[in-house]
Protein backbone atom coordinates (compact mmCIF):
# COMPACT_ATOMS: atom_id res chain seq x y z
CA MET A 1 8.57 49.13 -37.53
CA PRO A 2 9.45 47.03 -41.01
CA GLY A 3 10.69 43.36 -40.32
CA ALA A 4 9.34 43.84 -36.46
CA SER A 5 7.12 40.47 -36.34
CA LEU A 6 8.17 38.26 -33.56
CA SER A 7 11.01 35.46 -33.83
CA ARG A 8 9.01 32.84 -32.24
CA TRP A 9 12.45 31.11 -31.21
CA THR A 10 14.65 33.77 -30.23
CA LEU A 11 13.55 33.77 -26.56
CA THR A 12 14.17 29.62 -26.63
CA TYR A 13 18.06 30.50 -27.99
CA PHE A 14 18.38 33.48 -25.01
CA THR A 15 17.62 31.35 -22.12
CA CYS A 16 19.65 28.14 -23.20
CA ALA A 17 22.74 31.11 -24.10
CA LEU A 18 22.34 32.57 -20.49
CA VAL A 19 21.74 29.04 -18.96
CA CYS A 20 25.49 28.37 -20.85
CA LEU A 21 26.56 31.39 -19.37
CA LEU A 22 25.62 30.80 -15.34
CA ALA A 23 27.03 27.45 -16.43
CA ALA A 24 30.61 28.93 -17.34
CA GLU A 25 30.65 31.22 -14.45
CA SER A 26 29.73 28.44 -11.73
CA LEU A 27 32.55 26.35 -13.11
CA MET A 28 35.20 28.95 -13.13
CA VAL A 29 34.10 30.25 -9.38
CA ILE A 30 34.94 26.50 -7.96
CA GLY A 31 38.61 26.76 -9.96
CA PHE A 32 37.46 24.49 -12.97
CA GLY A 33 39.96 25.67 -15.99
CA TYR A 34 42.28 28.44 -16.96
CA PRO A 35 43.77 29.43 -14.85
CA GLY A 36 43.69 26.46 -12.43
CA ALA A 37 44.46 24.63 -15.53
CA ALA A 38 47.16 25.62 -18.64
CA ILE A 39 45.08 27.60 -21.21
CA ASP A 40 45.17 24.59 -23.33
CA ALA A 41 44.27 22.06 -20.94
CA PRO A 42 40.52 19.92 -21.47
CA GLU A 43 39.49 21.64 -18.69
CA THR A 44 39.76 25.33 -20.00
CA LEU A 45 38.41 23.84 -23.43
CA ILE A 46 35.24 22.82 -22.13
CA LEU A 47 35.01 26.43 -20.67
CA VAL A 48 36.26 28.67 -23.77
CA HIS A 49 33.41 26.30 -26.04
CA LEU A 50 30.62 26.76 -23.44
CA VAL A 51 30.96 30.26 -23.60
CA ALA A 52 32.11 30.69 -27.39
CA ILE A 53 29.17 28.51 -28.24
CA GLY A 54 26.75 28.02 -26.09
CA TRP A 55 26.68 31.70 -24.58
CA LEU A 56 28.28 33.82 -27.41
CA SER A 57 26.91 32.26 -30.72
CA LEU A 58 23.66 30.96 -29.20
CA LEU A 59 22.70 34.95 -28.33
CA MET A 60 23.91 36.35 -31.57
CA CYS A 61 21.83 33.45 -33.57
CA GLY A 62 18.95 34.06 -31.31
CA ALA A 63 19.70 37.88 -31.96
CA LEU A 64 19.91 37.83 -35.21
CA PHE A 65 16.85 36.02 -36.74
CA GLN A 66 14.95 38.48 -34.78
CA PHE A 67 16.75 41.32 -35.96
CA VAL A 68 17.76 40.68 -39.74
CA PRO A 69 14.64 40.81 -40.95
CA VAL A 70 14.95 44.34 -39.27
CA LEU A 71 18.06 45.24 -41.04
CA VAL A 72 17.00 44.29 -44.86
CA ALA A 73 13.27 45.14 -44.15
CA ARG A 74 11.94 41.58 -45.45
CA PRO A 75 10.03 38.55 -43.25
CA LEU A 76 12.36 35.55 -42.40
CA LEU A 77 13.03 33.03 -44.47
CA GLY A 78 13.36 29.30 -43.95
CA GLU A 79 11.24 29.90 -40.74
CA ALA A 80 11.33 25.85 -39.94
CA LEU A 81 15.19 26.02 -39.68
CA PRO A 82 15.89 27.61 -36.53
CA PRO A 83 14.29 24.82 -33.76
CA VAL A 84 16.81 22.50 -35.98
CA ALA A 85 19.59 24.64 -35.69
CA LEU A 86 19.29 24.71 -32.24
CA ALA A 87 18.82 21.17 -31.43
CA ALA A 88 21.63 20.23 -34.05
CA ILE A 89 23.88 23.29 -31.79
CA LEU A 90 23.16 22.25 -28.23
CA LEU A 91 23.38 18.17 -29.51
CA GLY A 92 26.65 18.96 -30.70
CA LEU A 93 27.77 21.13 -27.90
CA PHE A 94 27.37 18.44 -25.49
CA ALA A 95 29.22 16.02 -27.54
CA LEU A 96 32.32 17.98 -27.87
CA LEU A 97 32.44 19.07 -24.28
CA ALA A 98 31.85 15.41 -23.55
CA GLY A 99 34.55 14.66 -25.96
CA PHE A 100 36.52 17.53 -24.19
CA ALA A 101 36.01 15.71 -20.55
CA GLY A 102 37.01 12.38 -22.20
CA VAL A 103 40.03 13.71 -22.69
CA ALA A 104 40.52 14.72 -19.37
CA GLU A 105 39.62 11.60 -17.99
CA ILE A 106 36.69 13.50 -16.05
CA LEU A 107 34.46 10.94 -18.03
CA SER A 108 35.11 7.64 -20.18
CA VAL A 109 33.98 8.19 -23.53
CA PRO A 110 36.37 8.02 -27.02
CA THR A 111 37.57 10.71 -28.56
CA GLU A 112 35.93 9.96 -31.71
CA VAL A 113 32.95 11.92 -29.92
CA LEU A 114 34.65 15.03 -30.65
CA PRO A 115 33.81 14.76 -34.19
CA LEU A 116 30.43 13.67 -34.01
CA GLY A 117 30.23 16.69 -31.74
CA GLY A 118 31.35 19.44 -34.15
CA LEU A 119 29.36 17.40 -37.33
CA LEU A 120 26.36 18.44 -35.10
CA LEU A 121 28.02 21.95 -34.98
CA VAL A 122 28.71 22.44 -38.63
CA ALA A 123 24.63 20.99 -39.27
CA GLY A 124 23.93 23.42 -36.61
CA PHE A 125 25.47 26.22 -37.93
CA GLY A 126 24.48 25.41 -41.60
CA ALA A 127 21.10 25.91 -41.09
CA VAL A 128 21.90 28.92 -39.32
CA MET A 129 23.86 30.56 -42.68
CA LEU A 130 21.40 28.87 -44.33
CA SER A 131 18.02 30.98 -43.55
CA LEU A 132 19.96 34.45 -42.58
CA GLY A 133 21.58 33.85 -46.27
CA ARG A 134 18.85 33.49 -48.10
CA THR A 135 16.89 36.24 -45.92
CA LEU A 136 19.79 38.52 -46.88
CA TRP A 137 20.00 37.32 -50.81
CA ALA A 138 16.58 38.37 -51.67
CA ALA A 139 16.78 41.49 -50.01
CA ARG A 140 20.11 42.85 -52.12
CA PRO A 141 21.58 45.68 -52.62
CA LEU A 142 22.30 45.24 -48.63
CA ALA A 143 22.84 48.52 -46.35
CA LEU A 144 25.88 48.56 -44.17
CA PRO A 145 24.30 46.58 -41.19
CA ALA A 146 23.88 43.96 -42.94
CA ARG A 147 26.88 43.97 -45.13
CA PHE A 148 28.45 43.57 -41.41
CA VAL A 149 26.16 40.48 -40.94
CA VAL A 150 27.10 39.14 -44.15
CA VAL A 151 31.04 38.90 -42.95
CA GLY A 152 30.31 37.62 -39.57
CA LEU A 153 28.56 35.03 -41.55
CA ALA A 154 31.12 34.28 -43.64
CA ALA A 155 33.70 34.57 -40.70
CA LEU A 156 31.41 31.78 -38.08
CA LEU A 157 31.55 29.58 -41.64
CA GLY A 158 35.46 29.21 -41.30
CA THR A 159 35.37 28.72 -37.98
CA VAL A 160 33.10 25.86 -37.60
CA LEU A 161 34.87 23.96 -40.45
CA LEU A 162 38.26 25.17 -38.62
CA GLY A 163 36.82 23.32 -35.16
CA GLU A 164 35.82 20.06 -37.44
CA THR A 165 39.37 20.08 -38.14
CA PHE A 166 40.81 20.45 -34.98
CA ALA A 167 38.00 17.49 -33.83
CA LEU A 168 39.38 15.02 -36.33
CA VAL A 169 43.08 15.62 -35.78
CA LEU A 170 42.70 15.60 -32.15
CA SER A 171 40.52 11.82 -32.36
CA GLY A 172 43.44 10.48 -34.23
CA LEU A 173 40.87 10.28 -37.50
CA LEU A 174 42.66 13.06 -39.30
CA GLY A 175 46.85 12.50 -39.88
CA GLY A 176 49.92 13.94 -41.02
CA ASP A 177 52.42 16.69 -40.53
CA MET A 178 50.16 19.41 -42.36
CA ALA A 179 47.30 18.67 -39.87
CA LEU A 180 49.27 18.31 -36.82
CA SER A 181 50.70 21.24 -38.09
CA LEU A 182 47.58 23.21 -38.74
CA LEU A 183 46.09 22.17 -34.77
CA LEU A 184 49.49 22.87 -33.07
CA ASN A 185 49.78 26.79 -34.79
CA GLY A 186 45.92 27.19 -35.82
CA VAL A 187 44.03 27.64 -32.76
CA PRO A 188 44.49 31.34 -32.58
CA LEU A 189 43.10 32.01 -36.04
CA HIS A 190 40.01 30.01 -34.84
CA ALA A 191 39.64 32.13 -32.17
CA LEU A 192 40.35 35.28 -34.36
CA LEU A 193 37.55 34.05 -36.79
CA GLY A 194 35.09 33.17 -34.39
CA LEU A 195 35.32 35.88 -31.50
CA GLY A 196 36.66 39.17 -34.05
CA GLY A 197 34.76 37.82 -37.25
CA TRP A 198 31.86 36.00 -36.59
CA MET A 199 30.95 37.64 -33.19
CA THR A 200 32.24 40.65 -33.17
CA PHE A 201 31.10 41.55 -37.06
CA ALA A 202 27.21 40.67 -36.44
CA ALA A 203 27.64 42.14 -33.15
CA MET A 204 28.62 45.67 -34.78
CA GLY A 205 26.20 45.70 -37.75
CA VAL A 206 23.22 44.55 -35.08
CA SER A 207 24.52 47.51 -32.83
CA TYR A 208 24.47 50.00 -35.44
CA ARG A 209 21.17 49.39 -36.28
CA LEU A 210 19.91 49.17 -31.96
CA LEU A 211 21.95 51.99 -31.13
CA ALA A 212 19.89 54.10 -33.51
CA MET A 213 16.69 52.96 -33.45
CA PHE A 214 16.67 52.58 -29.75
CA MET A 215 18.29 56.02 -29.30
CA LEU A 216 16.76 58.18 -32.23
CA ALA A 217 19.89 58.56 -33.63
CA PRO A 218 19.99 59.60 -37.48
CA GLU A 219 20.92 56.65 -39.18
CA THR A 220 22.93 57.62 -42.38
CA GLU A 221 25.68 55.31 -43.93
CA ARG A 222 28.65 57.18 -43.02
CA PHE A 223 32.33 57.41 -44.76
CA SER A 224 33.75 56.20 -41.43
CA THR A 225 30.97 52.81 -41.58
CA ARG A 226 32.24 51.87 -44.91
CA LEU A 227 35.56 52.36 -43.52
CA VAL A 228 34.99 49.89 -40.39
CA LEU A 229 33.27 47.47 -43.08
CA ALA A 230 36.00 47.84 -45.68
CA THR A 231 39.12 47.08 -42.75
CA GLY A 232 37.76 45.06 -40.69
CA THR A 233 36.82 42.21 -43.76
CA LEU A 234 40.68 42.75 -44.77
CA ALA A 235 41.85 41.73 -41.12
CA LEU A 236 39.46 38.76 -41.50
CA VAL A 237 40.99 37.67 -45.09
CA LEU A 238 44.70 38.33 -43.89
CA VAL A 239 43.61 35.84 -40.62
CA ALA A 240 41.76 33.37 -43.40
CA ALA A 241 45.41 33.57 -45.79
CA ALA A 242 47.15 32.41 -42.71
CA ILE A 243 46.07 29.30 -42.60
CA PRO A 244 47.54 27.77 -45.09
CA PHE A 245 50.97 29.33 -43.04
CA ALA A 246 49.81 27.49 -40.13
CA MET A 247 49.35 24.16 -41.73
CA ALA A 248 53.07 24.72 -42.83
CA ALA A 249 54.55 25.72 -40.47
CA GLU A 250 55.64 28.74 -42.22
CA ALA A 251 57.75 32.07 -41.11
CA GLY A 252 54.96 34.52 -42.48
CA LEU A 253 52.26 33.28 -39.80
CA THR A 254 53.31 35.81 -37.65
CA GLY A 255 53.73 38.67 -40.31
CA LEU A 256 49.82 37.44 -41.37
CA LEU A 257 49.33 37.81 -37.99
CA LEU A 258 50.43 41.40 -37.00
CA ALA A 259 49.15 43.08 -39.98
CA ALA A 260 45.97 41.39 -39.36
CA ALA A 261 46.26 43.06 -35.56
CA ALA A 262 46.97 46.10 -37.29
CA THR A 263 43.93 46.51 -39.69
CA GLY A 264 41.88 45.39 -37.25
CA LEU A 265 42.65 47.49 -34.08
CA LEU A 266 41.70 50.27 -37.29
CA ALA A 267 38.43 49.28 -37.63
CA LEU A 268 38.09 49.30 -33.61
CA GLY A 269 38.83 52.85 -34.09
CA VAL A 270 36.50 54.04 -36.22
CA TYR A 271 33.61 52.16 -34.80
CA ALA A 272 34.29 53.26 -31.82
CA SER A 273 34.20 57.19 -33.03
CA ASP A 274 31.09 56.10 -34.89
CA VAL A 275 29.45 54.85 -31.75
CA VAL A 276 31.00 58.11 -30.05
CA ALA A 277 28.77 59.72 -33.06
CA LEU A 278 25.38 57.75 -32.25
CA TYR A 279 25.08 58.84 -28.78
CA ARG A 280 26.16 62.60 -29.17
CA GLN A 281 23.76 62.77 -32.24
CA ARG A 282 20.58 61.05 -30.74
CA LYS A 283 17.61 62.59 -30.49
CA ARG A 284 16.77 61.07 -27.53
CA ARG A 285 17.99 63.24 -24.32
CA ASN A 286 17.36 60.51 -21.52
CA ILE A 287 18.37 57.39 -23.22
CA GLU A 288 17.21 54.25 -21.79
CA LEU A 289 19.39 51.57 -19.26
CA ASN A 290 20.39 49.66 -22.46
CA ALA A 291 21.85 52.16 -24.03
CA VAL A 292 23.89 53.34 -20.83
CA ALA A 293 24.70 49.66 -20.05
CA ALA A 294 26.43 48.89 -23.83
CA ILE A 295 29.26 52.28 -22.79
CA GLY A 296 30.31 49.72 -20.33
CA ALA A 297 30.66 46.62 -23.19
CA PHE A 298 32.07 49.77 -25.62
CA ALA A 299 34.69 50.47 -22.88
CA ALA A 300 35.91 46.82 -22.21
CA LEU A 301 36.36 46.77 -26.13
CA LEU A 302 38.58 50.18 -25.70
CA GLY A 303 40.33 48.18 -23.01
CA SER A 304 41.00 44.81 -24.95
CA ALA A 305 42.66 47.01 -27.76
CA MET A 306 44.78 49.07 -25.36
CA LEU A 307 45.91 45.99 -23.67
CA LEU A 308 46.38 43.83 -27.19
CA LEU A 309 48.87 46.91 -27.61
CA VAL A 310 50.82 46.60 -24.28
CA LEU A 311 50.89 43.11 -24.51
CA LEU A 312 52.62 43.23 -28.38
CA ALA A 313 54.70 46.06 -27.07
CA THR A 314 56.15 43.99 -24.22
CA GLY A 315 56.28 40.70 -25.47
CA GLN A 316 53.28 39.73 -23.11
CA LEU A 317 51.07 38.39 -25.40
CA GLN A 318 50.97 35.06 -25.49
CA ALA A 319 51.47 35.09 -21.68
CA ARG A 320 48.62 36.96 -21.04
CA ILE A 321 46.15 36.13 -23.63
CA GLY A 322 43.94 34.20 -21.08
CA ALA A 323 43.35 38.16 -19.92
CA LEU A 324 42.82 39.43 -22.93
CA THR A 325 39.98 37.07 -24.21
CA TYR A 326 38.26 37.45 -20.73
CA LEU A 327 38.07 41.42 -20.97
CA PHE A 328 37.03 40.49 -24.84
CA ALA A 329 34.85 38.18 -24.34
CA PHE A 330 32.89 38.88 -21.33
CA GLY A 331 33.43 42.92 -21.25
CA TRP A 332 32.63 43.40 -24.72
CA LEU A 333 30.80 40.84 -26.32
CA GLY A 334 29.05 39.34 -22.99
CA GLY A 335 28.58 42.93 -21.28
CA LEU A 336 27.14 44.41 -24.64
CA GLY A 337 24.78 40.85 -24.84
CA LEU A 338 23.03 41.56 -21.58
CA ALA A 339 23.00 45.07 -22.47
CA LYS A 340 20.57 44.62 -25.31
CA LEU A 341 18.55 41.37 -23.90
CA TYR A 342 17.16 43.81 -21.06
CA LYS A 343 15.92 45.89 -24.01
CA ILE A 344 15.24 43.10 -26.10
CA ILE A 345 13.26 40.65 -24.17
CA ALA A 346 10.91 43.79 -23.13
CA PHE A 347 10.15 44.55 -26.66
CA LEU A 348 9.50 40.91 -27.60
CA THR A 349 7.11 40.21 -24.82
CA TRP A 350 5.57 43.37 -25.67
CA LEU A 351 5.44 42.36 -29.43
CA GLU A 352 3.52 38.87 -28.13
CA CYS A 353 1.44 40.24 -25.75
CA PHE A 354 0.23 43.98 -26.32
CA ALA A 355 0.92 44.51 -29.93
CA PRO A 356 -2.45 42.69 -31.52
CA VAL A 357 -4.83 44.74 -29.73
CA LEU A 358 -2.73 48.21 -30.18
CA GLY A 359 -5.51 50.66 -30.86
CA LYS A 360 -7.88 48.21 -29.47
CA ARG A 361 -7.17 48.75 -25.61
CA GLN A 362 -5.07 51.34 -23.35
CA THR A 363 -1.59 49.08 -23.41
CA PRO A 364 1.75 49.83 -21.35
CA ARG A 365 4.32 51.11 -22.96
CA VAL A 366 7.42 48.60 -23.32
CA GLN A 367 9.63 50.84 -20.69
CA ASP A 368 6.90 49.68 -18.48
CA LEU A 369 8.12 46.54 -18.68
CA VAL A 370 11.25 46.93 -17.22
CA ASP A 371 12.21 48.67 -13.93
CA GLU A 372 15.72 50.45 -14.54
CA PRO A 373 16.70 51.83 -11.19
CA ARG A 374 16.74 48.90 -9.43
CA ALA A 375 18.42 46.62 -12.73
CA ALA A 376 21.14 49.46 -12.96
CA PRO A 377 23.42 48.70 -9.95
CA TRP A 378 23.63 44.91 -11.16
CA PHE A 379 24.70 45.93 -14.43
CA GLY A 380 27.53 48.24 -12.60
CA ALA A 381 28.88 45.23 -10.67
CA TYR A 382 29.19 42.70 -13.43
CA TYR A 383 31.51 45.22 -15.17
CA ALA A 384 33.14 46.19 -12.45
CA ALA A 385 33.14 42.18 -11.79
CA VAL A 386 35.06 41.62 -15.15
CA GLY A 387 37.46 44.23 -15.04
CA PHE A 388 38.80 43.13 -11.74
CA ALA A 389 38.99 39.89 -12.42
CA THR A 390 40.98 40.55 -15.94
CA LEU A 391 43.23 42.44 -13.40
CA CYS A 392 43.83 39.74 -11.18
CA LEU A 393 44.50 38.05 -14.54
CA LEU A 394 47.31 40.07 -15.79
CA VAL A 395 48.84 39.70 -11.75
CA ASP A 396 48.49 36.32 -11.30
CA LEU A 397 46.78 36.32 -8.51
CA PRO A 398 43.57 32.75 -9.49
CA THR A 399 42.14 32.75 -6.10
CA ALA A 400 41.33 36.90 -5.96
CA PHE A 401 39.93 36.13 -9.61
CA ARG A 402 37.31 33.23 -8.20
CA LEU A 403 36.20 35.77 -5.79
CA PHE A 404 35.73 38.57 -8.70
CA VAL A 405 33.82 36.12 -10.67
CA GLY A 406 31.56 34.91 -8.20
CA VAL A 407 30.47 38.60 -8.26
CA GLN A 408 29.98 38.47 -11.59
CA LEU A 409 28.12 35.24 -11.18
CA PHE A 410 25.75 36.76 -8.76
CA ALA A 411 25.72 40.28 -11.22
CA THR A 412 24.19 38.15 -13.90
CA LEU A 413 21.49 36.08 -11.91
CA ALA A 414 19.97 39.35 -10.83
CA ILE A 415 19.80 40.71 -14.36
CA ALA A 416 18.56 37.55 -15.87
CA ARG A 417 16.07 37.98 -13.02
CA HIS A 418 14.93 41.35 -14.60
CA PHE A 419 14.93 39.49 -17.62
CA TYR A 420 12.29 37.32 -15.74
CA ARG A 421 10.50 39.83 -14.23
CA SER A 422 9.91 41.38 -17.53
CA ARG A 423 8.93 38.78 -19.57
CA GLU A 424 6.47 37.56 -16.27
CA LEU A 425 4.90 41.47 -16.80
CA LEU A 426 5.89 41.34 -13.22
CA ASN A 427 6.54 45.27 -13.59
CA VAL A 428 3.82 46.32 -15.20
CA PRO A 429 0.91 48.00 -13.51
CA LEU A 430 -1.75 45.57 -12.33
CA GLU A 431 -4.58 47.63 -14.27
CA LEU A 432 -2.67 47.34 -17.97
CA ARG A 433 -1.77 44.02 -17.20
CA ARG A 434 -5.56 42.90 -16.30
CA GLY A 435 -6.64 40.31 -18.87
CA PHE A 436 -3.58 39.56 -20.38
CA ALA A 437 -2.21 36.05 -20.31
CA ARG A 438 1.18 35.77 -19.45
CA PRO A 439 3.71 34.28 -22.53
CA HIS A 440 5.79 31.50 -21.35
CA PRO A 441 9.14 31.95 -19.91
CA PHE A 442 11.25 30.90 -22.85
CA LEU A 443 8.92 28.37 -25.22
CA PRO A 444 7.98 30.13 -28.33
CA PRO A 445 4.69 31.31 -28.77
CA ALA A 446 1.32 29.26 -30.04
CA ARG A 447 0.94 31.57 -32.59
CA LYS A 448 2.89 33.66 -34.93
CA VAL A 449 2.94 37.12 -34.00
CA PRO A 450 2.82 39.34 -36.81
């Protein structure tokens, strides 16, 4: 497989991301943040950024460091940047969360910590974009899946710059009517560029490649895939074009957002048809658990689109935006992330432990590193919990919401345990793993694995 060398820091990114996910779910279980607090309260902002940066963005960065070389069939450029980026992102995240905790009077920290955290995040994600951008630039012309990643990285740039602007305004270091208006009206643009642009576009690009690779489906470049790229990019351009309207508080902001929603929903609809085609055209009749579990994520994406339409039609979008965001973040992005991690961690562990001696001695298959029958029910429990938690947010049942988030947390812990078992080779028959050293659960290998 071209580009299938081991990215040394990917497992470290994944571990940090999972810790942030478990921390966010634990905070929600004890009633911290929304719906116990207002959706724009500092406590809720702590949760939002812990999920968006700590869980989803670290997960995506780790995956891209491994799979962008696969997408372009070239080695990763700037191999010294991933650990630097990880350190800067984590420090920036901690500073940002501390700043929000100061605003909420949980900690005694100055508000100037907020822009400091934002600046560290700009540096960290800048290092990510530099490494991945150099790799993509050197591989021109790019195949369609890689172009999705390019658009996602462009949206990431807009997201972090808007976030740093908000931090400067909140800290009082940046003032003026236009800056205040951007803070009041631009938060939806920040969320759309982050969740809809950076994370969703990158997830789409990687999913096109991974679904085809793991299910042995044809990788032809369809017209429909080009349509997804074109309409999705147009939606993000419309969101970016709305920034000046948010700064000036002009009426055109709503019209641009509605146009972006229409083109974005069209892109999601065509993407869904592409996904269905990949499943139907696969050559592997019995698909693995990662592909089965991903169906729940695609269902959550479809459910998010339908819920958006209903909320727009009933005028309830602003009142129920928390439920929509929860389903999108935890069902679509989080569900897809957990599903693909189940395969990726086993695949990376196999590369590290067994690929160097392939053909020299008997080795297990990648599938021997996992235990699908025991893991499958936990994915079902996770998606069910996300669905019921979303319903509780829609009908204002905060106590029931915490109960279902507790189920979600327990399912996440169980899935993480299966990740650990794969990493520790505990599912591999003893006779096949005898003589092999178990890798460290999350630290990079001491040597580069070809």
